[in-house]
Amino acid sequence: MTTVLITLPSQLAREAQRSGLISHAASEKWLSEKHDTQLVDELFAAMDRIATVDESAAMSPEEVAEEIAAMPAERRDKAAR
């Protein structure tokens, strides 16, 4: 178990205490929900970045095969230098 110290304005702390927001269960639930929301936000942000990728920049299977086939010759050339 980890202890977290949070500094709040006195008025806010009193109101939160009265409304039951300052408790182990409430804090755990709130942090868990915020964490889940953050993960979902990060997922959607990644999906947005993926959507902006220019698919025409992707290599065809033939282009990949050509690059792989060219690698031994490139390595020989570099080794000969």
PDB file of N, CA and C in Angstrom:
ATOM      1  N   MET A   1       0.854  -1.162   0.000  1.00  0.00           N
ATOM      2  CA  MET A   1       0.000   0.000   0.000  1.00  0.00           C
ATOM      3  C   MET A   1       0.900   1.225   0.000  1.00  0.00           C
ATOM      4  N   THR A   2       0.540   2.230  -0.754  1.00  0.00           N
ATOM      5  CA  THR A   2       1.286   3.479  -0.834  1.00  0.00           C
ATOM      6  C   THR A   2       0.459   4.601  -0.235  1.00  0.00           C
ATOM      7  N   THR A   3       1.120   5.479   0.494  1.00  0.00           N
ATOM      8  CA  THR A   3       0.458   6.641   1.064  1.00  0.00           C
ATOM      9  C   THR A   3       0.753   7.837   0.180  1.00  0.00           C
ATOM     10  N   VAL A   4      -0.289   8.605  -0.148  1.00  0.00           N
ATOM     11  CA  VAL A   4      -0.156   9.795  -0.976  1.00  0.00           C
ATOM     12  C   VAL A   4      -0.626  10.992  -0.156  1.00  0.00           C
ATOM     13  N   LEU A   5       0.193  12.027  -0.118  1.00  0.00           N
ATOM     14  CA  LEU A   5      -0.153  13.249   0.597  1.00  0.00           C
ATOM     15  C   LEU A   5      -0.600  14.276  -0.429  1.00  0.00           C
ATOM     16  N   ILE A   6      -1.814  14.811  -0.259  1.00  0.00           N
ATOM     17  CA  ILE A   6      -2.364  15.805  -1.174  1.00  0.00           C
ATOM     18  C   ILE A   6      -2.650  17.073  -0.377  1.00  0.00           C
ATOM     19  N   THR A   7      -2.163  18.193  -0.893  1.00  0.00           N
ATOM     20  CA  THR A   7      -2.414  19.481  -0.248  1.00  0.00           C
ATOM     21  C   THR A   7      -3.559  20.160  -0.985  1.00  0.00           C
ATOM     22  N   LEU A   8      -4.605  20.509  -0.216  1.00  0.00           N
ATOM     23  CA  LEU A   8      -5.791  21.159  -0.779  1.00  0.00           C
ATOM     24  C   LEU A   8      -6.090  22.425   0.005  1.00  0.00           C
ATOM     25  N   PRO A   9      -6.749  23.365  -0.630  1.00  0.00           N
ATOM     26  CA  PRO A   9      -7.252  24.504   0.150  1.00  0.00           C
ATOM     27  C   PRO A   9      -8.209  23.984   1.224  1.00  0.00           C
ATOM     28  N   SER A  10      -8.179  24.606   2.387  1.00  0.00           N
ATOM     29  CA  SER A  10      -8.972  24.124   3.533  1.00  0.00           C
ATOM     30  C   SER A  10     -10.449  23.984   3.200  1.00  0.00           C
ATOM     31  N   GLN A  11     -11.015  24.980   2.548  1.00  0.00           N
ATOM     32  CA  GLN A  11     -12.445  24.951   2.220  1.00  0.00           C
ATOM     33  C   GLN A  11     -12.765  23.753   1.331  1.00  0.00           C
ATOM     34  N   LEU A  12     -11.961  23.531   0.309  1.00  0.00           N
ATOM     35  CA  LEU A  12     -12.187  22.402  -0.593  1.00  0.00           C
ATOM     36  C   LEU A  12     -12.056  21.080   0.154  1.00  0.00           C
ATOM     37  N   ALA A  13     -11.071  20.971   1.019  1.00  0.00           N
ATOM     38  CA  ALA A  13     -10.889  19.745   1.798  1.00  0.00           C
ATOM     39  C   ALA A  13     -12.097  19.471   2.680  1.00  0.00           C
ATOM     40  N   ARG A  14     -12.620  20.506   3.337  1.00  0.00           N
ATOM     41  CA  ARG A  14     -13.808  20.319   4.189  1.00  0.00           C
ATOM     42  C   ARG A  14     -15.010  19.864   3.363  1.00  0.00           C
ATOM     43  N   GLU A  15     -15.218  20.519   2.217  1.00  0.00           N
ATOM     44  CA  GLU A  15     -16.351  20.148   1.364  1.00  0.00           C
ATOM     45  C   GLU A  15     -16.205  18.727   0.823  1.00  0.00           C
ATOM     46  N   ALA A  16     -15.012  18.381   0.419  1.00  0.00           N
ATOM     47  CA  ALA A  16     -14.763  17.028  -0.096  1.00  0.00           C
ATOM     48  C   ALA A  16     -14.966  15.994   1.009  1.00  0.00           C
ATOM     49  N   GLN A  17     -14.519  16.313   2.208  1.00  0.00           N
ATOM     50  CA  GLN A  17     -14.694  15.400   3.340  1.00  0.00           C
ATOM     51  C   GLN A  17     -16.175  15.199   3.636  1.00  0.00           C
ATOM     52  N   ARG A  18     -16.942  16.298   3.656  1.00  0.00           N
ATOM     53  CA  ARG A  18     -18.381  16.217   3.929  1.00  0.00           C
ATOM     54  C   ARG A  18     -19.124  15.402   2.880  1.00  0.00           C
ATOM     55  N   SER A  19     -18.695  15.522   1.639  1.00  0.00           N
ATOM     56  CA  SER A  19     -19.401  14.816   0.562  1.00  0.00           C
ATOM     57  C   SER A  19     -18.896  13.384   0.354  1.00  0.00           C
ATOM     58  N   GLY A  20     -17.945  12.956   1.167  1.00  0.00           N
ATOM     59  CA  GLY A  20     -17.480  11.572   1.079  1.00  0.00           C
ATOM     60  C   GLY A  20     -16.433  11.325   0.005  1.00  0.00           C
ATOM     61  N   LEU A  21     -15.882  12.404  -0.537  1.00  0.00           N
ATOM     62  CA  LEU A  21     -14.884  12.232  -1.601  1.00  0.00           C
ATOM     63  C   LEU A  21     -13.497  11.888  -1.075  1.00  0.00           C
ATOM     64  N   ILE A  22     -13.270  12.180   0.200  1.00  0.00           N
ATOM     65  CA  ILE A  22     -11.963  11.860   0.779  1.00  0.00           C
ATOM     66  C   ILE A  22     -12.095  10.572   1.571  1.00  0.00           C
ATOM     67  N   SER A  23     -11.867   9.482   0.879  1.00  0.00           N
ATOM     68  CA  SER A  23     -11.860   8.150   1.498  1.00  0.00           C
ATOM     69  C   SER A  23     -10.997   7.251   0.628  1.00  0.00           C
ATOM     70  N   HIS A  24     -10.564   6.144   1.181  1.00  0.00           N
ATOM     71  CA  HIS A  24      -9.737   5.209   0.404  1.00  0.00           C
ATOM     72  C   HIS A  24     -10.494   4.731  -0.827  1.00  0.00           C
ATOM     73  N   ALA A  25     -11.723   4.324  -0.643  1.00  0.00           N
ATOM     74  CA  ALA A  25     -12.506   3.776  -1.759  1.00  0.00           C
ATOM     75  C   ALA A  25     -12.757   4.826  -2.830  1.00  0.00           C
ATOM     76  N   ALA A  26     -13.130   6.035  -2.415  1.00  0.00           N
ATOM     77  CA  ALA A  26     -13.422   7.096  -3.385  1.00  0.00           C
ATOM     78  C   ALA A  26     -12.162   7.498  -4.147  1.00  0.00           C
ATOM     79  N   SER A  27     -11.041   7.606  -3.443  1.00  0.00           N
ATOM     80  CA  SER A  27      -9.782   7.975  -4.085  1.00  0.00           C
ATOM     81  C   SER A  27      -9.344   6.913  -5.078  1.00  0.00           C
ATOM     82  N   GLU A  28      -9.439   5.660  -4.664  1.00  0.00           N
ATOM     83  CA  GLU A  28      -9.048   4.557  -5.545  1.00  0.00           C
ATOM     84  C   GLU A  28      -9.922   4.521  -6.800  1.00  0.00           C
ATOM     85  N   LYS A  29     -11.235   4.683  -6.607  1.00  0.00           N
ATOM     86  CA  LYS A  29     -12.157   4.678  -7.748  1.00  0.00           C
ATOM     87  C   LYS A  29     -11.858   5.832  -8.694  1.00  0.00           C
ATOM     88  N   TRP A  30     -11.655   7.038  -8.144  1.00  0.00           N
ATOM     89  CA  TRP A  30     -11.386   8.221  -8.959  1.00  0.00           C
ATOM     90  C   TRP A  30     -10.087   8.054  -9.747  1.00  0.00           C
ATOM     91  N   LEU A  31      -9.023   7.616  -9.088  1.00  0.00           N
ATOM     92  CA  LEU A  31      -7.746   7.432  -9.774  1.00  0.00           C
ATOM     93  C   LEU A  31      -7.838   6.354 -10.849  1.00  0.00           C
ATOM     94  N   SER A  32      -8.536   5.282 -10.564  1.00  0.00           N
ATOM     95  CA  SER A  32      -8.703   4.208 -11.536  1.00  0.00           C
ATOM     96  C   SER A  32      -9.461   4.702 -12.766  1.00  0.00           C
ATOM     97  N   GLU A  33     -10.534   5.461 -12.532  1.00  0.00           N
ATOM     98  CA  GLU A  33     -11.311   6.006 -13.653  1.00  0.00           C
ATOM     99  C   GLU A  33     -10.473   6.982 -14.478  1.00  0.00           C
ATOM    100  N   LYS A  34      -9.713   7.852 -13.809  1.00  0.00           N
ATOM    101  CA  LYS A  34      -8.865   8.813 -14.507  1.00  0.00           C
ATOM    102  C   LYS A  34      -7.786   8.090 -15.316  1.00  0.00           C
ATOM    103  N   HIS A  35      -7.228   7.034 -14.744  1.00  0.00           N
ATOM    104  CA  HIS A  35      -6.210   6.245 -15.449  1.00  0.00           C
ATOM    105  C   HIS A  35      -6.805   5.609 -16.701  1.00  0.00           C
ATOM    106  N   ASP A  36      -7.972   5.019 -16.567  1.00  0.00           N
ATOM    107  CA  ASP A  36      -8.635   4.403 -17.719  1.00  0.00           C
ATOM    108  C   ASP A  36      -8.928   5.443 -18.798  1.00  0.00           C
ATOM    109  N   THR A  37      -9.395   6.613 -18.377  1.00  0.00           N
ATOM    110  CA  THR A  37      -9.690   7.690 -19.329  1.00  0.00           C
ATOM    111  C   THR A  37      -8.422   8.115 -20.057  1.00  0.00           C
ATOM    112  N   GLN A  38      -7.331   8.221 -19.322  1.00  0.00           N
ATOM    113  CA  GLN A  38      -6.061   8.613 -19.928  1.00  0.00           C
ATOM    114  C   GLN A  38      -5.612   7.576 -20.959  1.00  0.00           C
ATOM    115  N   LEU A  39      -5.754   6.303 -20.631  1.00  0.00           N
ATOM    116  CA  LEU A  39      -5.372   5.247 -21.577  1.00  0.00           C
ATOM    117  C   LEU A  39      -6.206   5.317 -22.847  1.00  0.00           C
ATOM    118  N   VAL A  40      -7.497   5.543 -22.700  1.00  0.00           N
ATOM    119  CA  VAL A  40      -8.382   5.654 -23.864  1.00  0.00           C
ATOM    120  C   VAL A  40      -8.002   6.881 -24.689  1.00  0.00           C
ATOM    121  N   ASP A  41      -7.725   8.001 -24.021  1.00  0.00           N
ATOM    122  CA  ASP A  41      -7.307   9.213 -24.730  1.00  0.00           C
ATOM    123  C   ASP A  41      -6.016   8.971 -25.515  1.00  0.00           C
ATOM    124  N   GLU A  42      -5.068   8.275 -24.902  1.00  0.00           N
ATOM    125  CA  GLU A  42      -3.808   7.968 -25.577  1.00  0.00           C
ATOM    126  C   GLU A  42      -4.041   7.051 -26.777  1.00  0.00           C
ATOM    127  N   LEU A  43      -4.953   6.103 -26.625  1.00  0.00           N
ATOM    128  CA  LEU A  43      -5.275   5.206 -27.737  1.00  0.00           C
ATOM    129  C   LEU A  43      -5.860   5.987 -28.906  1.00  0.00           C
ATOM    130  N   PHE A  44      -6.820   6.862 -28.622  1.00  0.00           N
ATOM    131  CA  PHE A  44      -7.420   7.642 -29.699  1.00  0.00           C
ATOM    132  C   PHE A  44      -6.413   8.604 -30.329  1.00  0.00           C
ATOM    133  N   ALA A  45      -5.513   9.159 -29.530  1.00  0.00           N
ATOM    134  CA  ALA A  45      -4.475  10.037 -30.082  1.00  0.00           C
ATOM    135  C   ALA A  45      -3.570   9.247 -31.020  1.00  0.00           C
ATOM    136  N   ALA A  46      -3.225   8.023 -30.629  1.00  0.00           N
ATOM    137  CA  ALA A  46      -2.401   7.177 -31.499  1.00  0.00           C
ATOM    138  C   ALA A  46      -3.156   6.835 -32.780  1.00  0.00           C
ATOM    139  N   MET A  47      -4.439   6.558 -32.654  1.00  0.00           N
ATOM    140  CA  MET A  47      -5.241   6.252 -33.838  1.00  0.00           C
ATOM    141  C   MET A  47      -5.310   7.460 -34.768  1.00  0.00           C
ATOM    142  N   ASP A  48      -5.407   8.657 -34.192  1.00  0.00           N
ATOM    143  CA  ASP A  48      -5.403   9.876 -35.009  1.00  0.00           C
ATOM    144  C   ASP A  48      -4.080  10.029 -35.746  1.00  0.00           C
ATOM    145  N   ARG A  49      -2.966   9.745 -35.055  1.00  0.00           N
ATOM    146  CA  ARG A  49      -1.657   9.835 -35.714  1.00  0.00           C
ATOM    147  C   ARG A  49      -1.541   8.804 -36.830  1.00  0.00           C
ATOM    148  N   ILE A  50      -2.037   7.617 -36.593  1.00  0.00           N
ATOM    149  CA  ILE A  50      -1.992   6.560 -37.613  1.00  0.00           C
ATOM    150  C   ILE A  50      -2.809   6.970 -38.831  1.00  0.00           C
ATOM    151  N   ALA A  51      -3.946   7.612 -38.592  1.00  0.00           N
ATOM    152  CA  ALA A  51      -4.825   8.014 -39.694  1.00  0.00           C
ATOM    153  C   ALA A  51      -4.175   9.057 -40.589  1.00  0.00           C
ATOM    154  N   THR A  52      -3.199   9.797 -40.060  1.00  0.00           N
ATOM    155  CA  THR A  52      -2.551  10.835 -40.866  1.00  0.00           C
ATOM    156  C   THR A  52      -1.382  10.306 -41.693  1.00  0.00           C
ATOM    157  N   VAL A  53      -1.017   9.042 -41.485  1.00  0.00           N
ATOM    158  CA  VAL A  53       0.110   8.465 -42.219  1.00  0.00           C
ATOM    159  C   VAL A  53      -0.265   8.311 -43.686  1.00  0.00           C
ATOM    160  N   ASP A  54       0.653   8.732 -44.541  1.00  0.00           N
ATOM    161  CA  ASP A  54       0.457   8.604 -45.985  1.00  0.00           C
ATOM    162  C   ASP A  54       0.687   7.151 -46.378  1.00  0.00           C
ATOM    163  N   GLU A  55      -0.389   6.461 -46.707  1.00  0.00           N
ATOM    164  CA  GLU A  55      -0.277   5.043 -47.039  1.00  0.00           C
ATOM    165  C   GLU A  55       0.509   4.804 -48.315  1.00  0.00           C
ATOM    166  N   SER A  56       0.583   5.817 -49.170  1.00  0.00           N
ATOM    167  CA  SER A  56       1.339   5.626 -50.408  1.00  0.00           C
ATOM    168  C   SER A  56       2.822   5.474 -50.120  1.00  0.00           C
ATOM    169  N   ALA A  57       3.248   5.872 -48.931  1.00  0.00           N
ATOM    170  CA  ALA A  57       4.652   5.734 -48.567  1.00  0.00           C
ATOM    171  C   ALA A  57       4.998   4.294 -48.203  1.00  0.00           C
ATOM    172  N   ALA A  58       4.008   3.460 -47.986  1.00  0.00           N
ATOM    173  CA  ALA A  58       4.256   2.071 -47.639  1.00  0.00           C
ATOM    174  C   ALA A  58       4.827   1.334 -48.840  1.00  0.00           C
ATOM    175  N   MET A  59       5.714   0.398 -48.546  1.00  0.00           N
ATOM    176  CA  MET A  59       6.349  -0.363 -49.619  1.00  0.00           C
ATOM    177  C   MET A  59       5.479  -1.560 -49.987  1.00  0.00           C
ATOM    178  N   SER A  60       5.500  -1.877 -51.256  1.00  0.00           N
ATOM    179  CA  SER A  60       4.787  -3.068 -51.713  1.00  0.00           C
ATOM    180  C   SER A  60       5.624  -4.291 -51.354  1.00  0.00           C
ATOM    181  N   PRO A  61       5.015  -5.475 -51.357  1.00  0.00           N
ATOM    182  CA  PRO A  61       5.791  -6.688 -51.085  1.00  0.00           C
ATOM    183  C   PRO A  61       6.958  -6.852 -52.069  1.00  0.00           C
ATOM    184  N   GLU A  62       6.752  -6.442 -53.295  1.00  0.00           N
ATOM    185  CA  GLU A  62       7.820  -6.557 -54.289  1.00  0.00           C
ATOM    186  C   GLU A  62       8.984  -5.632 -53.941  1.00  0.00           C
ATOM    187  N   GLU A  63       8.657  -4.397 -53.499  1.00  0.00           N
ATOM    188  CA  GLU A  63       9.701  -3.454 -53.116  1.00  0.00           C
ATOM    189  C   GLU A  63      10.479  -3.951 -51.902  1.00  0.00           C
ATOM    190  N   VAL A  64       9.786  -4.562 -50.962  1.00  0.00           N
ATOM    191  CA  VAL A  64      10.447  -5.128 -49.792  1.00  0.00           C
ATOM    192  C   VAL A  64      11.399  -6.234 -50.224  1.00  0.00           C
ATOM    193  N   ALA A  65      10.938  -7.097 -51.111  1.00  0.00           N
ATOM    194  CA  ALA A  65      11.784  -8.194 -51.599  1.00  0.00           C
ATOM    195  C   ALA A  65      13.015  -7.653 -52.324  1.00  0.00           C
ATOM    196  N   GLU A  66      12.857  -6.587 -53.103  1.00  0.00           N
ATOM    197  CA  GLU A  66      13.995  -5.980 -53.802  1.00  0.00           C
ATOM    198  C   GLU A  66      15.013  -5.416 -52.807  1.00  0.00           C
ATOM    199  N   GLU A  67      14.518  -4.751 -51.771  1.00  0.00           N
ATOM    200  CA  GLU A  67      15.419  -4.195 -50.762  1.00  0.00           C
ATOM    201  C   GLU A  67      16.180  -5.299 -50.042  1.00  0.00           C
ATOM    202  N   ILE A  68      15.492  -6.368 -49.708  1.00  0.00           N
ATOM    203  CA  ILE A  68      16.139  -7.492 -49.022  1.00  0.00           C
ATOM    204  C   ILE A  68      17.189  -8.123 -49.936  1.00  0.00           C
ATOM    205  N   ALA A  69      16.852  -8.279 -51.197  1.00  0.00           N
ATOM    206  CA  ALA A  69      17.797  -8.874 -52.148  1.00  0.00           C
ATOM    207  C   ALA A  69      19.027  -7.992 -52.337  1.00  0.00           C
ATOM    208  N   ALA A  70      18.875  -6.679 -52.223  1.00  0.00           N
ATOM    209  CA  ALA A  70      19.996  -5.758 -52.423  1.00  0.00           C
ATOM    210  C   ALA A  70      20.925  -5.688 -51.210  1.00  0.00           C
ATOM    211  N   MET A  71      20.486  -6.138 -50.065  1.00  0.00           N
ATOM    212  CA  MET A  71      21.271  -6.003 -48.842  1.00  0.00           C
ATOM    213  C   MET A  71      22.630  -6.699 -48.906  1.00  0.00           C
ATOM    214  N   PRO A  72      22.745  -7.947 -49.387  1.00  0.00           N
ATOM    215  CA  PRO A  72      24.071  -8.577 -49.411  1.00  0.00           C
ATOM    216  C   PRO A  72      25.080  -7.793 -50.259  1.00  0.00           C
ATOM    217  N   ALA A  73      24.638  -7.263 -51.381  1.00  0.00           N
ATOM    218  CA  ALA A  73      25.544  -6.491 -52.232  1.00  0.00           C
ATOM    219  C   ALA A  73      25.978  -5.207 -51.513  1.00  0.00           C
ATOM    220  N   GLU A  74      25.061  -4.548 -50.833  1.00  0.00           N
ATOM    221  CA  GLU A  74      25.389  -3.325 -50.093  1.00  0.00           C
ATOM    222  C   GLU A  74      26.388  -3.626 -48.989  1.00  0.00           C
ATOM    223  N   ARG A  75      26.208  -4.749 -48.302  1.00  0.00           N
ATOM    224  CA  ARG A  75      27.138  -5.122 -47.231  1.00  0.00           C
ATOM    225  C   ARG A  75      28.523  -5.418 -47.793  1.00  0.00           C
ATOM    226  N   ARG A  76      28.564  -6.090 -48.944  1.00  0.00           N
ATOM    227  CA  ARG A  76      29.868  -6.372 -49.579  1.00  0.00           C
ATOM    228  C   ARG A  76      30.563  -5.070 -49.955  1.00  0.00           C
ATOM    229  N   ASP A  77      29.800  -4.124 -50.517  1.00  0.00           N
ATOM    230  CA  ASP A  77      30.349  -2.839 -50.904  1.00  0.00           C
ATOM    231  C   ASP A  77      30.916  -2.092 -49.692  1.00  0.00           C
ATOM    232  N   LYS A  78      30.180  -2.092 -48.600  1.00  0.00           N
ATOM    233  CA  LYS A  78      30.638  -1.407 -47.397  1.00  0.00           C
ATOM    234  C   LYS A  78      31.875  -2.087 -46.821  1.00  0.00           C
ATOM    235  N   ALA A  79      31.890  -3.404 -46.853  1.00  0.00           N
ATOM    236  CA  ALA A  79      33.031  -4.138 -46.308  1.00  0.00           C
ATOM    237  C   ALA A  79      34.283  -3.919 -47.165  1.00  0.00           C
ATOM    238  N   ALA A  80      34.117  -3.693 -48.465  1.00  0.00           N
ATOM    239  CA  ALA A  80      35.249  -3.506 -49.371  1.00  0.00           C
ATOM    240  C   ALA A  80      35.872  -2.119 -49.194  1.00  0.00           C
ATOM    241  N   ARG A  81      35.163  -1.191 -48.614  1.00  0.00           N
ATOM    242  CA  ARG A  81      35.679   0.184 -48.454  1.00  0.00           C
ATOM    243  C   ARG A  81      36.688   0.253 -47.388  1.00  0.00           C
TER     244      ARG A  81
END
